[in-house]
Amino acid sequence: GFTRFVADVALEDPLTGVRAFRTEALRSVTL
């Protein structure tokens, strides 16, 4: 819930343990 507030996303479960990404999008993020 706090992640939804900070990131302003509509995801109910943003910290889930399994996620899929378009690889190009995932690589574009500087972690």
PDB file of all heavy atoms in Angstrom:
ATOM      1  N   GLY A   1       0.821  -1.217   0.000  1.00  0.00           N
ATOM      2  CA  GLY A   1       0.000   0.000   0.000  1.00  0.00           C
ATOM      3  C   GLY A   1       0.843   1.249   0.000  1.00  0.00           C
ATOM      4  O   GLY A   1       0.531   2.228  -0.704  1.00  0.00           O
ATOM      5  N   PHE A   2       1.944   1.249   0.758  1.00  0.00           N
ATOM      6  CA  PHE A   2       2.825   2.410   0.789  1.00  0.00           C
ATOM      7  C   PHE A   2       3.540   2.571  -0.550  1.00  0.00           C
ATOM      8  O   PHE A   2       3.744   3.690  -1.041  1.00  0.00           O
ATOM      9  CB  PHE A   2       3.831   2.287   1.931  1.00  0.00           C
ATOM     10  CG  PHE A   2       4.608   3.544   2.207  1.00  0.00           C
ATOM     11  CD1 PHE A   2       3.988   4.784   2.200  1.00  0.00           C
ATOM     12  CD2 PHE A   2       5.970   3.488   2.482  1.00  0.00           C
ATOM     13  CE1 PHE A   2       4.699   5.945   2.458  1.00  0.00           C
ATOM     14  CE2 PHE A   2       6.694   4.639   2.742  1.00  0.00           C
ATOM     15  CZ  PHE A   2       6.056   5.869   2.729  1.00  0.00           C
ATOM     16  N   THR A   3       3.896   1.447  -1.174  1.00  0.00           N
ATOM     17  CA  THR A   3       4.523   1.505  -2.497  1.00  0.00           C
ATOM     18  C   THR A   3       3.567   2.120  -3.509  1.00  0.00           C
ATOM     19  O   THR A   3       3.970   2.933  -4.348  1.00  0.00           O
ATOM     20  CB  THR A   3       4.937   0.093  -2.955  1.00  0.00           C
ATOM     21  OG1 THR A   3       5.804  -0.494  -1.984  1.00  0.00           O
ATOM     22  CG2 THR A   3       5.652   0.144  -4.305  1.00  0.00           C
ATOM     23  N   ARG A   4       2.288   1.739  -3.457  1.00  0.00           N
ATOM     24  CA  ARG A   4       1.288   2.339  -4.350  1.00  0.00           C
ATOM     25  C   ARG A   4       1.247   3.848  -4.171  1.00  0.00           C
ATOM     26  O   ARG A   4       1.151   4.597  -5.152  1.00  0.00           O
ATOM     27  CB  ARG A   4      -0.113   1.769  -4.063  1.00  0.00           C
ATOM     28  CG  ARG A   4      -0.375   0.417  -4.627  1.00  0.00           C
ATOM     29  CD  ARG A   4      -1.862   0.114  -4.677  1.00  0.00           C
ATOM     30  NE  ARG A   4      -2.486   0.182  -3.351  1.00  0.00           N
ATOM     31  CZ  ARG A   4      -2.498  -0.801  -2.480  1.00  0.00           C
ATOM     32  NH1 ARG A   4      -1.889  -1.932  -2.766  1.00  0.00           N
ATOM     33  NH2 ARG A   4      -3.107  -0.647  -1.320  1.00  0.00           N
ATOM     34  N   PHE A   5       1.302   4.301  -2.937  1.00  0.00           N
ATOM     35  CA  PHE A   5       1.244   5.735  -2.655  1.00  0.00           C
ATOM     36  C   PHE A   5       2.470   6.454  -3.210  1.00  0.00           C
ATOM     37  O   PHE A   5       2.350   7.498  -3.868  1.00  0.00           O
ATOM     38  CB  PHE A   5       1.142   5.956  -1.143  1.00  0.00           C
ATOM     39  CG  PHE A   5       1.295   7.395  -0.729  1.00  0.00           C
ATOM     40  CD1 PHE A   5       0.259   8.308  -0.908  1.00  0.00           C
ATOM     41  CD2 PHE A   5       2.482   7.854  -0.174  1.00  0.00           C
ATOM     42  CE1 PHE A   5       0.407   9.639  -0.538  1.00  0.00           C
ATOM     43  CE2 PHE A   5       2.638   9.176   0.200  1.00  0.00           C
ATOM     44  CZ  PHE A   5       1.592  10.077   0.015  1.00  0.00           C
ATOM     45  N   VAL A   6       3.655   5.910  -2.951  1.00  0.00           N
ATOM     46  CA  VAL A   6       4.897   6.570  -3.371  1.00  0.00           C
ATOM     47  C   VAL A   6       5.027   6.572  -4.890  1.00  0.00           C
ATOM     48  O   VAL A   6       5.393   7.584  -5.503  1.00  0.00           O
ATOM     49  CB  VAL A   6       6.122   5.889  -2.729  1.00  0.00           C
ATOM     50  CG1 VAL A   6       7.428   6.463  -3.277  1.00  0.00           C
ATOM     51  CG2 VAL A   6       6.076   6.046  -1.204  1.00  0.00           C
ATOM     52  N   ALA A   7       4.724   5.427  -5.529  1.00  0.00           N
ATOM     53  CA  ALA A   7       4.902   5.302  -6.984  1.00  0.00           C
ATOM     54  C   ALA A   7       3.684   5.771  -7.765  1.00  0.00           C
ATOM     55  O   ALA A   7       3.758   5.917  -8.979  1.00  0.00           O
ATOM     56  CB  ALA A   7       5.209   3.845  -7.344  1.00  0.00           C
ATOM     57  N   ASP A   8       2.571   6.000  -7.072  1.00  0.00           N
ATOM     58  CA  ASP A   8       1.327   6.428  -7.714  1.00  0.00           C
ATOM     59  C   ASP A   8       0.907   5.438  -8.794  1.00  0.00           C
ATOM     60  O   ASP A   8       0.707   5.787  -9.960  1.00  0.00           O
ATOM     61  CB  ASP A   8       1.472   7.836  -8.294  1.00  0.00           C
ATOM     62  CG  ASP A   8       0.125   8.443  -8.687  1.00  0.00           C
ATOM     63  OD1 ASP A   8      -0.898   7.996  -8.132  1.00  0.00           O
ATOM     64  OD2 ASP A   8       0.100   9.338  -9.545  1.00  0.00           O
ATOM     65  N   VAL A   9       0.801   4.161  -8.397  1.00  0.00           N
ATOM     66  CA  VAL A   9       0.377   3.104  -9.317  1.00  0.00           C
ATOM     67  C   VAL A   9      -0.905   2.466  -8.794  1.00  0.00           C
ATOM     68  O   VAL A   9      -1.233   2.552  -7.615  1.00  0.00           O
ATOM     69  CB  VAL A   9       1.467   2.024  -9.481  1.00  0.00           C
ATOM     70  CG1 VAL A   9       2.696   2.594 -10.158  1.00  0.00           C
ATOM     71  CG2 VAL A   9       1.843   1.403  -8.122  1.00  0.00           C
ATOM     72  N   ALA A  10      -1.623   1.805  -9.684  1.00  0.00           N
ATOM     73  CA  ALA A  10      -2.891   1.172  -9.314  1.00  0.00           C
ATOM     74  C   ALA A  10      -2.710  -0.298  -8.957  1.00  0.00           C
ATOM     75  O   ALA A  10      -3.693  -0.998  -8.722  1.00  0.00           O
ATOM     76  CB  ALA A  10      -3.885   1.312 -10.464  1.00  0.00           C
ATOM     77  N   LEU A  11      -1.490  -0.795  -8.905  1.00  0.00           N
ATOM     78  CA  LEU A  11      -1.246  -2.200  -8.611  1.00  0.00           C
ATOM     79  C   LEU A  11      -1.675  -2.534  -7.179  1.00  0.00           C
ATOM     80  O   LEU A  11      -1.309  -1.840  -6.237  1.00  0.00           O
ATOM     81  CB  LEU A  11       0.240  -2.526  -8.775  1.00  0.00           C
ATOM     82  CG  LEU A  11       0.856  -2.275 -10.156  1.00  0.00           C
ATOM     83  CD1 LEU A  11       2.356  -2.465 -10.102  1.00  0.00           C
ATOM     84  CD2 LEU A  11       0.228  -3.201 -11.193  1.00  0.00           C
ATOM     85  N   GLU A  12      -2.416  -3.615  -7.023  1.00  0.00           N
ATOM     86  CA  GLU A  12      -2.817  -4.047  -5.682  1.00  0.00           C
ATOM     87  C   GLU A  12      -1.664  -4.710  -4.944  1.00  0.00           C
ATOM     88  O   GLU A  12      -1.592  -4.647  -3.716  1.00  0.00           O
ATOM     89  CB  GLU A  12      -3.995  -5.011  -5.771  1.00  0.00           C
ATOM     90  CG  GLU A  12      -5.297  -4.365  -6.230  1.00  0.00           C
ATOM     91  CD  GLU A  12      -6.445  -5.366  -6.221  1.00  0.00           C
ATOM     92  OE1 GLU A  12      -6.380  -6.341  -5.434  1.00  0.00           O
ATOM     93  OE2 GLU A  12      -7.382  -5.184  -7.010  1.00  0.00           O
ATOM     94  N   ASP A  13      -0.760  -5.359  -5.676  1.00  0.00           N
ATOM     95  CA  ASP A  13       0.315  -6.132  -5.044  1.00  0.00           C
ATOM     96  C   ASP A  13       1.652  -5.851  -5.738  1.00  0.00           C
ATOM     97  O   ASP A  13       2.193  -6.702  -6.432  1.00  0.00           O
ATOM     98  CB  ASP A  13      -0.031  -7.623  -5.122  1.00  0.00           C
ATOM     99  CG  ASP A  13       0.871  -8.481  -4.251  1.00  0.00           C
ATOM    100  OD1 ASP A  13       1.661  -7.916  -3.467  1.00  0.00           O
ATOM    101  OD2 ASP A  13       0.784  -9.713  -4.363  1.00  0.00           O
ATOM    102  N   PRO A  14       2.185  -4.639  -5.568  1.00  0.00           N
ATOM    103  CA  PRO A  14       3.393  -4.266  -6.313  1.00  0.00           C
ATOM    104  C   PRO A  14       4.661  -4.963  -5.848  1.00  0.00           C
ATOM    105  O   PRO A  14       5.661  -4.943  -6.564  1.00  0.00           O
ATOM    106  CB  PRO A  14       3.487  -2.750  -6.080  1.00  0.00           C
ATOM    107  CG  PRO A  14       2.788  -2.520  -4.782  1.00  0.00           C
ATOM    108  CD  PRO A  14       1.676  -3.528  -4.746  1.00  0.00           C
ATOM    109  N   LEU A  15       4.657  -5.592  -4.662  1.00  0.00           N
ATOM    110  CA  LEU A  15       5.867  -6.221  -4.138  1.00  0.00           C
ATOM    111  C   LEU A  15       5.789  -7.744  -4.207  1.00  0.00           C
ATOM    112  O   LEU A  15       6.434  -8.456  -3.437  1.00  0.00           O
ATOM    113  CB  LEU A  15       6.108  -5.770  -2.691  1.00  0.00           C
ATOM    114  CG  LEU A  15       6.313  -4.267  -2.501  1.00  0.00           C
ATOM    115  CD1 LEU A  15       6.564  -3.931  -1.049  1.00  0.00           C
ATOM    116  CD2 LEU A  15       7.470  -3.759  -3.366  1.00  0.00           C
ATOM    117  N   THR A  16       5.019  -8.262  -5.135  1.00  0.00           N
ATOM    118  CA  THR A  16       4.897  -9.696  -5.332  1.00  0.00           C
ATOM    119  C   THR A  16       6.241 -10.327  -5.686  1.00  0.00           C
ATOM    120  O   THR A  16       7.162  -9.633  -6.156  1.00  0.00           O
ATOM    121  CB  THR A  16       3.882  -9.982  -6.451  1.00  0.00           C
ATOM    122  OG1 THR A  16       3.764 -11.385  -6.649  1.00  0.00           O
ATOM    123  CG2 THR A  16       4.314  -9.339  -7.765  1.00  0.00           C
ATOM    124  N   GLY A  17       6.336 -11.642  -5.513  1.00  0.00           N
ATOM    125  CA  GLY A  17       7.612 -12.319  -5.747  1.00  0.00           C
ATOM    126  C   GLY A  17       7.801 -12.864  -7.144  1.00  0.00           C
ATOM    127  O   GLY A  17       8.825 -13.500  -7.424  1.00  0.00           O
ATOM    128  N   VAL A  18       6.862 -12.647  -8.053  1.00  0.00           N
ATOM    129  CA  VAL A  18       7.034 -13.091  -9.437  1.00  0.00           C
ATOM    130  C   VAL A  18       6.459 -12.028 -10.364  1.00  0.00           C
ATOM    131  O   VAL A  18       5.310 -11.621 -10.229  1.00  0.00           O
ATOM    132  CB  VAL A  18       6.404 -14.483  -9.675  1.00  0.00           C
ATOM    133  CG1 VAL A  18       4.911 -14.479  -9.392  1.00  0.00           C
ATOM    134  CG2 VAL A  18       6.679 -14.980 -11.089  1.00  0.00           C
ATOM    135  N   ARG A  19       7.304 -11.571 -11.302  1.00  0.00           N
ATOM    136  CA  ARG A  19       6.939 -10.485 -12.204  1.00  0.00           C
ATOM    137  C   ARG A  19       7.560 -10.741 -13.570  1.00  0.00           C
ATOM    138  O   ARG A  19       8.659 -11.286 -13.652  1.00  0.00           O
ATOM    139  CB  ARG A  19       7.470  -9.154 -11.688  1.00  0.00           C
ATOM    140  CG  ARG A  19       6.901  -8.717 -10.361  1.00  0.00           C
ATOM    141  CD  ARG A  19       7.947  -8.034  -9.494  1.00  0.00           C
ATOM    142  NE  ARG A  19       8.951  -8.972  -9.046  1.00  0.00           N
ATOM    143  CZ  ARG A  19      10.052  -8.626  -8.370  1.00  0.00           C
ATOM    144  NH1 ARG A  19      10.292  -7.359  -8.118  1.00  0.00           N
ATOM    145  NH2 ARG A  19      10.908  -9.543  -7.984  1.00  0.00           N
ATOM    146  N   ALA A  20       6.873 -10.305 -14.618  1.00  0.00           N
ATOM    147  CA  ALA A  20       7.404 -10.429 -15.982  1.00  0.00           C
ATOM    148  C   ALA A  20       7.575  -9.040 -16.574  1.00  0.00           C
ATOM    149  O   ALA A  20       6.775  -8.136 -16.314  1.00  0.00           O
ATOM    150  CB  ALA A  20       6.467 -11.261 -16.854  1.00  0.00           C
ATOM    151  N   PHE A  21       8.618  -8.875 -17.394  1.00  0.00           N
ATOM    152  CA  PHE A  21       8.945  -7.566 -17.957  1.00  0.00           C
ATOM    153  C   PHE A  21       9.340  -7.707 -19.424  1.00  0.00           C
ATOM    154  O   PHE A  21       9.960  -8.699 -19.820  1.00  0.00           O
ATOM    155  CB  PHE A  21      10.145  -6.935 -17.233  1.00  0.00           C
ATOM    156  CG  PHE A  21       9.971  -6.808 -15.752  1.00  0.00           C
ATOM    157  CD1 PHE A  21      10.322  -7.868 -14.920  1.00  0.00           C
ATOM    158  CD2 PHE A  21       9.466  -5.648 -15.181  1.00  0.00           C
ATOM    159  CE1 PHE A  21      10.169  -7.758 -13.539  1.00  0.00           C
ATOM    160  CE2 PHE A  21       9.308  -5.532 -13.821  1.00  0.00           C
ATOM    161  CZ  PHE A  21       9.659  -6.591 -12.989  1.00  0.00           C
ATOM    162  N   ARG A  22       8.983  -6.702 -20.193  1.00  0.00           N
ATOM    163  CA  ARG A  22       9.645  -6.551 -21.483  1.00  0.00           C
ATOM    164  C   ARG A  22      11.102  -6.230 -21.157  1.00  0.00           C
ATOM    165  O   ARG A  22      11.407  -5.274 -20.451  1.00  0.00           O
ATOM    166  CB  ARG A  22       8.983  -5.418 -22.271  1.00  0.00           C
ATOM    167  CG  ARG A  22       9.381  -5.342 -23.729  1.00  0.00           C
ATOM    168  CD  ARG A  22       8.386  -4.500 -24.541  1.00  0.00           C
ATOM    169  NE  ARG A  22       8.163  -3.191 -23.965  1.00  0.00           N
ATOM    170  CZ  ARG A  22       8.962  -2.141 -24.159  1.00  0.00           C
ATOM    171  NH1 ARG A  22      10.039  -2.250 -24.917  1.00  0.00           N
ATOM    172  NH2 ARG A  22       8.676  -0.977 -23.608  1.00  0.00           N
ATOM    173  N   THR A  23      12.023  -7.058 -21.640  1.00  0.00           N
ATOM    174  CA  THR A  23      13.426  -6.958 -21.212  1.00  0.00           C
ATOM    175  C   THR A  23      13.998  -5.578 -21.486  1.00  0.00           C
ATOM    176  O   THR A  23      14.741  -5.021 -20.667  1.00  0.00           O
ATOM    177  CB  THR A  23      14.276  -8.044 -21.897  1.00  0.00           C
ATOM    178  OG1 THR A  23      13.745  -9.332 -21.567  1.00  0.00           O
ATOM    179  CG2 THR A  23      15.729  -7.964 -21.461  1.00  0.00           C
ATOM    180  N   GLU A  24      13.645  -5.002 -22.617  1.00  0.00           N
ATOM    181  CA  GLU A  24      14.131  -3.665 -22.956  1.00  0.00           C
ATOM    182  C   GLU A  24      13.715  -2.651 -21.893  1.00  0.00           C
ATOM    183  O   GLU A  24      14.497  -1.773 -21.511  1.00  0.00           O
ATOM    184  CB  GLU A  24      13.579  -3.259 -24.320  1.00  0.00           C
ATOM    185  CG  GLU A  24      14.003  -1.879 -24.791  1.00  0.00           C
ATOM    186  CD  GLU A  24      13.308  -1.472 -26.087  1.00  0.00           C
ATOM    187  OE1 GLU A  24      12.571  -2.299 -26.657  1.00  0.00           O
ATOM    188  OE2 GLU A  24      13.485  -0.316 -26.502  1.00  0.00           O
ATOM    189  N   ALA A  25      12.486  -2.762 -21.387  1.00  0.00           N
ATOM    190  CA  ALA A  25      12.009  -1.849 -20.344  1.00  0.00           C
ATOM    191  C   ALA A  25      12.749  -2.079 -19.039  1.00  0.00           C
ATOM    192  O   ALA A  25      13.165  -1.130 -18.358  1.00  0.00           O
ATOM    193  CB  ALA A  25      10.507  -2.034 -20.138  1.00  0.00           C
ATOM    194  N   LEU A  26      12.938  -3.332 -18.672  1.00  0.00           N
ATOM    195  CA  LEU A  26      13.639  -3.649 -17.424  1.00  0.00           C
ATOM    196  C   LEU A  26      15.070  -3.138 -17.453  1.00  0.00           C
ATOM    197  O   LEU A  26      15.564  -2.573 -16.471  1.00  0.00           O
ATOM    198  CB  LEU A  26      13.603  -5.162 -17.202  1.00  0.00           C
ATOM    199  CG  LEU A  26      14.218  -5.687 -15.907  1.00  0.00           C
ATOM    200  CD1 LEU A  26      13.561  -5.066 -14.689  1.00  0.00           C
ATOM    201  CD2 LEU A  26      14.130  -7.209 -15.868  1.00  0.00           C
ATOM    202  N   ARG A  27      15.732  -3.286 -18.575  1.00  0.00           N
ATOM    203  CA  ARG A  27      17.123  -2.832 -18.684  1.00  0.00           C
ATOM    204  C   ARG A  27      17.234  -1.315 -18.671  1.00  0.00           C
ATOM    205  O   ARG A  27      18.285  -0.772 -18.324  1.00  0.00           O
ATOM    206  CB  ARG A  27      17.741  -3.370 -19.977  1.00  0.00           C
ATOM    207  CG  ARG A  27      18.222  -4.809 -19.872  1.00  0.00           C
ATOM    208  CD  ARG A  27      19.403  -5.010 -20.820  1.00  0.00           C
ATOM    209  NE  ARG A  27      19.988  -6.317 -20.653  1.00  0.00           N
ATOM    210  CZ  ARG A  27      19.832  -7.330 -21.510  1.00  0.00           C
ATOM    211  NH1 ARG A  27      19.085  -7.156 -22.591  1.00  0.00           N
ATOM    212  NH2 ARG A  27      20.409  -8.491 -21.292  1.00  0.00           N
ATOM    213  N   SER A  28      16.191  -0.621 -19.057  1.00  0.00           N
ATOM    214  CA  SER A  28      16.267   0.837 -19.135  1.00  0.00           C
ATOM    215  C   SER A  28      16.235   1.493 -17.758  1.00  0.00           C
ATOM    216  O   SER A  28      16.545   2.678 -17.627  1.00  0.00           O
ATOM    217  CB  SER A  28      15.105   1.389 -19.969  1.00  0.00           C
ATOM    218  OG  SER A  28      13.892   1.339 -19.238  1.00  0.00           O
ATOM    219  N   VAL A  29      15.871   0.746 -16.730  1.00  0.00           N
ATOM    220  CA  VAL A  29      15.755   1.289 -15.383  1.00  0.00           C
ATOM    221  C   VAL A  29      17.098   1.173 -14.671  1.00  0.00           C
ATOM    222  O   VAL A  29      17.688   0.098 -14.618  1.00  0.00           O
ATOM    223  CB  VAL A  29      14.672   0.529 -14.585  1.00  0.00           C
ATOM    224  CG1 VAL A  29      14.621   1.023 -13.146  1.00  0.00           C
ATOM    225  CG2 VAL A  29      13.314   0.707 -15.245  1.00  0.00           C
ATOM    226  N   THR A  30      17.576   2.279 -14.140  1.00  0.00           N
ATOM    227  CA  THR A  30      18.839   2.277 -13.399  1.00  0.00           C
ATOM    228  C   THR A  30      18.559   1.927 -11.946  1.00  0.00           C
ATOM    229  O   THR A  30      17.992   2.725 -11.195  1.00  0.00           O
ATOM    230  CB  THR A  30      19.520   3.653 -13.477  1.00  0.00           C
ATOM    231  OG1 THR A  30      19.750   3.976 -14.853  1.00  0.00           O
ATOM    232  CG2 THR A  30      20.847   3.654 -12.735  1.00  0.00           C
ATOM    233  N   LEU A  31      18.948   0.730 -11.540  1.00  0.00           N
ATOM    234  CA  LEU A  31      18.713   0.260 -10.177  1.00  0.00           C
ATOM    235  C   LEU A  31      19.955   0.506  -9.325  1.00  0.00           C
ATOM    236  O   LEU A  31      21.069   0.161  -9.731  1.00  0.00           O
ATOM    237  CB  LEU A  31      18.365  -1.229 -10.190  1.00  0.00           C
ATOM    238  CG  LEU A  31      17.101  -1.612 -10.971  1.00  0.00           C
ATOM    239  CD1 LEU A  31      16.957  -3.119 -11.064  1.00  0.00           C
ATOM    240  CD2 LEU A  31      15.868  -0.993 -10.331  1.00  0.00           C
TER     241      LEU A  31
END
